[in-house]
Amino acid sequence: MKHVIETTPSGLHITATVGADRQAVLLEAFGQCAAGTCSCPSAQYGKLQAIEVQAGEGSVSVELTAREGEQLDPEDIARCLDHTARQVGA
């Protein structure tokens, strides 16, 4: 899985590119993250207001919205993405 993390005014935007055969598994994993039930080693959950996950053609987009007054750490999120990629074999 390749990913790009971009800082936005409200938090972070992530685009993860995977093969069509792994997209459903990645969507499920990101869904667990959105529900707060994934195993990512991160302290960022307390800073999140919302996580929105959308599938695209050959990619998955994730919009992370920070709580008022909080700032998300892109490096910590990158570690979570690497962890998720290993978990789903992407």
N, C-alpha and C. Protein backbone atom coordinates (compact mmCIF):
# COMPACT_ATOMS: atom_id res chain seq x y z
N MET A 1 0.84 -1.17 0.00
CA MET A 1 0.00 0.00 0.00
C MET A 1 0.89 1.24 0.00
N LYS A 2 0.59 2.11 -0.90
CA LYS A 2 1.26 3.42 -0.91
C LYS A 2 0.26 4.43 -0.36
N HIS A 3 0.77 5.41 0.37
CA HIS A 3 -0.14 6.42 0.91
C HIS A 3 0.49 7.81 0.87
N VAL A 4 -0.38 8.79 0.79
CA VAL A 4 0.01 10.20 0.83
C VAL A 4 -0.81 10.85 1.94
N ILE A 5 -0.13 11.60 2.80
CA ILE A 5 -0.80 12.30 3.89
C ILE A 5 -0.65 13.80 3.63
N GLU A 6 -1.77 14.49 3.59
CA GLU A 6 -1.76 15.93 3.36
C GLU A 6 -2.42 16.63 4.55
N THR A 7 -1.82 17.72 4.99
CA THR A 7 -2.40 18.52 6.06
C THR A 7 -3.50 19.39 5.47
N THR A 8 -4.63 19.45 6.17
CA THR A 8 -5.76 20.28 5.75
C THR A 8 -6.08 21.24 6.89
N PRO A 9 -6.89 22.26 6.63
CA PRO A 9 -7.25 23.18 7.71
C PRO A 9 -7.93 22.50 8.90
N SER A 10 -8.63 21.39 8.64
CA SER A 10 -9.36 20.72 9.73
C SER A 10 -8.67 19.47 10.27
N GLY A 11 -7.56 19.06 9.65
CA GLY A 11 -6.87 17.86 10.11
C GLY A 11 -5.93 17.29 9.07
N LEU A 12 -6.22 16.07 8.61
CA LEU A 12 -5.37 15.40 7.62
C LEU A 12 -6.25 14.70 6.58
N HIS A 13 -5.74 14.66 5.35
CA HIS A 13 -6.37 13.89 4.27
C HIS A 13 -5.37 12.83 3.84
N ILE A 14 -5.83 11.58 3.77
CA ILE A 14 -4.98 10.45 3.40
C ILE A 14 -5.54 9.82 2.14
N THR A 15 -4.66 9.54 1.19
CA THR A 15 -5.02 8.75 0.03
C THR A 15 -4.13 7.52 0.05
N ALA A 16 -4.76 6.36 0.12
CA ALA A 16 -4.05 5.08 0.14
C ALA A 16 -4.36 4.34 -1.16
N THR A 17 -3.32 3.94 -1.85
CA THR A 17 -3.47 3.23 -3.12
C THR A 17 -3.16 1.76 -2.91
N VAL A 18 -4.10 0.91 -3.32
CA VAL A 18 -3.94 -0.54 -3.19
C VAL A 18 -4.47 -1.21 -4.45
N GLY A 19 -4.09 -2.45 -4.62
CA GLY A 19 -4.64 -3.24 -5.72
C GLY A 19 -6.11 -3.52 -5.49
N ALA A 20 -6.83 -3.72 -6.55
CA ALA A 20 -8.27 -3.97 -6.46
C ALA A 20 -8.58 -5.16 -5.55
N ASP A 21 -7.68 -6.14 -5.51
CA ASP A 21 -7.91 -7.33 -4.69
C ASP A 21 -7.78 -7.06 -3.19
N ARG A 22 -7.17 -5.95 -2.79
CA ARG A 22 -6.97 -5.63 -1.37
C ARG A 22 -7.85 -4.48 -0.90
N GLN A 23 -8.57 -3.84 -1.81
CA GLN A 23 -9.33 -2.64 -1.44
C GLN A 23 -10.41 -2.94 -0.40
N ALA A 24 -11.16 -4.00 -0.56
CA ALA A 24 -12.22 -4.33 0.39
C ALA A 24 -11.65 -4.59 1.79
N VAL A 25 -10.53 -5.27 1.86
CA VAL A 25 -9.89 -5.56 3.15
C VAL A 25 -9.41 -4.26 3.80
N LEU A 26 -8.86 -3.36 2.98
CA LEU A 26 -8.38 -2.08 3.51
C LEU A 26 -9.55 -1.23 3.99
N LEU A 27 -10.65 -1.23 3.24
CA LEU A 27 -11.84 -0.49 3.67
C LEU A 27 -12.35 -1.02 5.01
N GLU A 28 -12.35 -2.32 5.18
CA GLU A 28 -12.78 -2.91 6.44
C GLU A 28 -11.87 -2.48 7.59
N ALA A 29 -10.56 -2.49 7.34
CA ALA A 29 -9.59 -2.07 8.36
C ALA A 29 -9.78 -0.61 8.73
N PHE A 30 -9.96 0.25 7.73
CA PHE A 30 -10.18 1.67 8.02
C PHE A 30 -11.53 1.88 8.72
N GLY A 31 -12.49 1.04 8.43
CA GLY A 31 -13.77 1.09 9.13
C GLY A 31 -13.60 0.80 10.61
N GLN A 32 -12.71 -0.15 10.92
CA GLN A 32 -12.41 -0.45 12.33
C GLN A 32 -11.73 0.76 12.98
N CYS A 33 -10.87 1.44 12.24
CA CYS A 33 -10.23 2.64 12.78
C CYS A 33 -11.29 3.71 13.09
N ALA A 34 -12.22 3.89 12.15
CA ALA A 34 -13.28 4.88 12.33
C ALA A 34 -14.15 4.54 13.55
N ALA A 35 -14.33 3.24 13.80
CA ALA A 35 -15.13 2.81 14.95
C ALA A 35 -14.32 2.80 16.25
N GLY A 36 -13.01 3.04 16.14
CA GLY A 36 -12.16 3.03 17.33
C GLY A 36 -11.81 1.65 17.81
N THR A 37 -11.92 0.65 16.93
CA THR A 37 -11.66 -0.73 17.34
C THR A 37 -10.45 -1.35 16.65
N CYS A 38 -9.62 -0.55 16.00
CA CYS A 38 -8.44 -1.12 15.35
C CYS A 38 -7.29 -1.22 16.35
N SER A 39 -6.21 -1.81 15.91
CA SER A 39 -5.08 -2.04 16.82
C SER A 39 -3.91 -1.09 16.55
N CYS A 40 -4.18 0.04 15.91
CA CYS A 40 -3.10 1.00 15.61
C CYS A 40 -2.48 1.52 16.90
N PRO A 41 -1.15 1.55 16.94
CA PRO A 41 -0.45 2.06 18.13
C PRO A 41 -0.34 3.58 18.06
N SER A 42 -1.39 4.29 18.45
CA SER A 42 -1.39 5.75 18.30
C SER A 42 -2.10 6.44 19.45
N ALA A 43 -1.62 7.63 19.75
CA ALA A 43 -2.26 8.48 20.75
C ALA A 43 -3.15 9.52 20.08
N GLN A 44 -3.36 9.40 18.77
CA GLN A 44 -4.10 10.41 18.02
C GLN A 44 -5.62 10.29 18.19
N TYR A 45 -6.12 9.15 18.64
CA TYR A 45 -7.57 8.97 18.74
C TYR A 45 -8.22 10.03 19.62
N GLY A 46 -7.58 10.42 20.69
CA GLY A 46 -8.14 11.44 21.58
C GLY A 46 -8.22 12.81 20.95
N LYS A 47 -7.50 13.01 19.87
CA LYS A 47 -7.51 14.30 19.17
C LYS A 47 -8.53 14.35 18.04
N LEU A 48 -9.14 13.22 17.72
CA LEU A 48 -10.03 13.14 16.57
C LEU A 48 -11.47 13.52 16.90
N GLN A 49 -12.04 14.28 16.00
CA GLN A 49 -13.47 14.57 16.07
C GLN A 49 -14.22 13.60 15.15
N ALA A 50 -13.62 13.33 13.96
CA ALA A 50 -14.31 12.45 13.00
C ALA A 50 -13.31 11.79 12.07
N ILE A 51 -13.69 10.61 11.55
CA ILE A 51 -12.95 9.90 10.52
C ILE A 51 -13.96 9.55 9.43
N GLU A 52 -13.68 9.98 8.21
CA GLU A 52 -14.54 9.66 7.07
C GLU A 52 -13.74 8.86 6.06
N VAL A 53 -14.26 7.70 5.67
CA VAL A 53 -13.57 6.79 4.75
C VAL A 53 -14.41 6.66 3.48
N GLN A 54 -13.74 6.80 2.31
CA GLN A 54 -14.42 6.66 1.03
C GLN A 54 -13.56 5.84 0.08
N ALA A 55 -14.22 4.98 -0.68
CA ALA A 55 -13.53 4.18 -1.69
C ALA A 55 -13.53 4.93 -3.02
N GLY A 56 -12.40 4.83 -3.71
CA GLY A 56 -12.28 5.36 -5.05
C GLY A 56 -11.80 4.24 -5.95
N GLU A 57 -11.53 4.55 -7.18
CA GLU A 57 -11.02 3.53 -8.10
C GLU A 57 -9.54 3.30 -7.83
N GLY A 58 -9.22 2.16 -7.20
CA GLY A 58 -7.84 1.83 -6.89
C GLY A 58 -7.28 2.55 -5.68
N SER A 59 -8.14 3.26 -4.94
CA SER A 59 -7.66 3.98 -3.77
C SER A 59 -8.74 4.08 -2.71
N VAL A 60 -8.29 4.42 -1.52
CA VAL A 60 -9.19 4.69 -0.40
C VAL A 60 -8.78 6.04 0.17
N SER A 61 -9.75 6.93 0.36
CA SER A 61 -9.49 8.24 0.94
C SER A 61 -10.00 8.27 2.37
N VAL A 62 -9.22 8.88 3.23
CA VAL A 62 -9.59 9.01 4.63
C VAL A 62 -9.42 10.47 5.03
N GLU A 63 -10.47 11.04 5.56
CA GLU A 63 -10.44 12.41 6.05
C GLU A 63 -10.46 12.35 7.57
N LEU A 64 -9.40 12.85 8.20
CA LEU A 64 -9.32 12.91 9.65
C LEU A 64 -9.58 14.34 10.09
N THR A 65 -10.59 14.55 10.90
CA THR A 65 -10.92 15.88 11.39
C THR A 65 -10.53 15.96 12.86
N ALA A 66 -9.71 16.94 13.18
CA ALA A 66 -9.23 17.10 14.56
C ALA A 66 -10.28 17.84 15.40
N ARG A 67 -10.26 17.55 16.69
CA ARG A 67 -11.10 18.29 17.63
C ARG A 67 -10.62 19.75 17.68
N GLU A 68 -11.50 20.61 18.08
CA GLU A 68 -11.18 22.03 18.24
C GLU A 68 -9.94 22.19 19.12
N GLY A 69 -8.95 22.93 18.63
CA GLY A 69 -7.73 23.19 19.38
C GLY A 69 -6.68 22.09 19.31
N GLU A 70 -6.96 21.00 18.61
CA GLU A 70 -6.01 19.89 18.49
C GLU A 70 -5.34 19.89 17.11
N GLN A 71 -4.17 19.30 17.04
CA GLN A 71 -3.45 19.14 15.78
C GLN A 71 -2.98 17.69 15.69
N LEU A 72 -3.26 17.05 14.56
CA LEU A 72 -2.88 15.65 14.36
C LEU A 72 -1.44 15.55 13.90
N ASP A 73 -0.75 14.52 14.34
CA ASP A 73 0.65 14.29 14.00
C ASP A 73 0.75 13.38 12.78
N PRO A 74 1.15 13.93 11.62
CA PRO A 74 1.23 13.12 10.40
C PRO A 74 2.19 11.94 10.51
N GLU A 75 3.28 12.09 11.26
CA GLU A 75 4.25 11.00 11.42
C GLU A 75 3.64 9.84 12.20
N ASP A 76 2.86 10.15 13.22
CA ASP A 76 2.20 9.11 14.00
C ASP A 76 1.14 8.41 13.15
N ILE A 77 0.42 9.17 12.36
CA ILE A 77 -0.58 8.60 11.47
C ILE A 77 0.09 7.73 10.42
N ALA A 78 1.26 8.13 9.92
CA ALA A 78 2.00 7.31 8.95
C ALA A 78 2.38 5.96 9.56
N ARG A 79 2.78 5.96 10.83
CA ARG A 79 3.09 4.69 11.51
C ARG A 79 1.84 3.81 11.60
N CYS A 80 0.71 4.42 11.85
CA CYS A 80 -0.55 3.66 11.90
C CYS A 80 -0.89 3.08 10.53
N LEU A 81 -0.67 3.85 9.49
CA LEU A 81 -0.93 3.35 8.14
C LEU A 81 -0.02 2.17 7.80
N ASP A 82 1.24 2.27 8.19
CA ASP A 82 2.17 1.15 7.97
C ASP A 82 1.72 -0.08 8.74
N HIS A 83 1.28 0.11 9.97
CA HIS A 83 0.77 -0.98 10.81
C HIS A 83 -0.45 -1.62 10.13
N THR A 84 -1.38 -0.79 9.67
CA THR A 84 -2.58 -1.29 9.01
C THR A 84 -2.23 -2.06 7.74
N ALA A 85 -1.29 -1.54 6.97
CA ALA A 85 -0.87 -2.22 5.73
C ALA A 85 -0.32 -3.62 6.03
N ARG A 86 0.48 -3.72 7.09
CA ARG A 86 1.01 -5.02 7.48
C ARG A 86 -0.12 -5.96 7.91
N GLN A 87 -1.08 -5.43 8.65
CA GLN A 87 -2.19 -6.24 9.15
C GLN A 87 -3.04 -6.83 8.01
N VAL A 88 -3.24 -6.04 6.95
CA VAL A 88 -4.12 -6.49 5.87
C VAL A 88 -3.36 -7.05 4.67
N GLY A 89 -2.04 -7.07 4.76
CA GLY A 89 -1.23 -7.61 3.67
C GLY A 89 -1.26 -6.76 2.43
N ALA A 90 -1.39 -5.46 2.62
CA ALA A 90 -1.45 -4.55 1.45
C ALA A 90 -0.11 -3.92 1.18
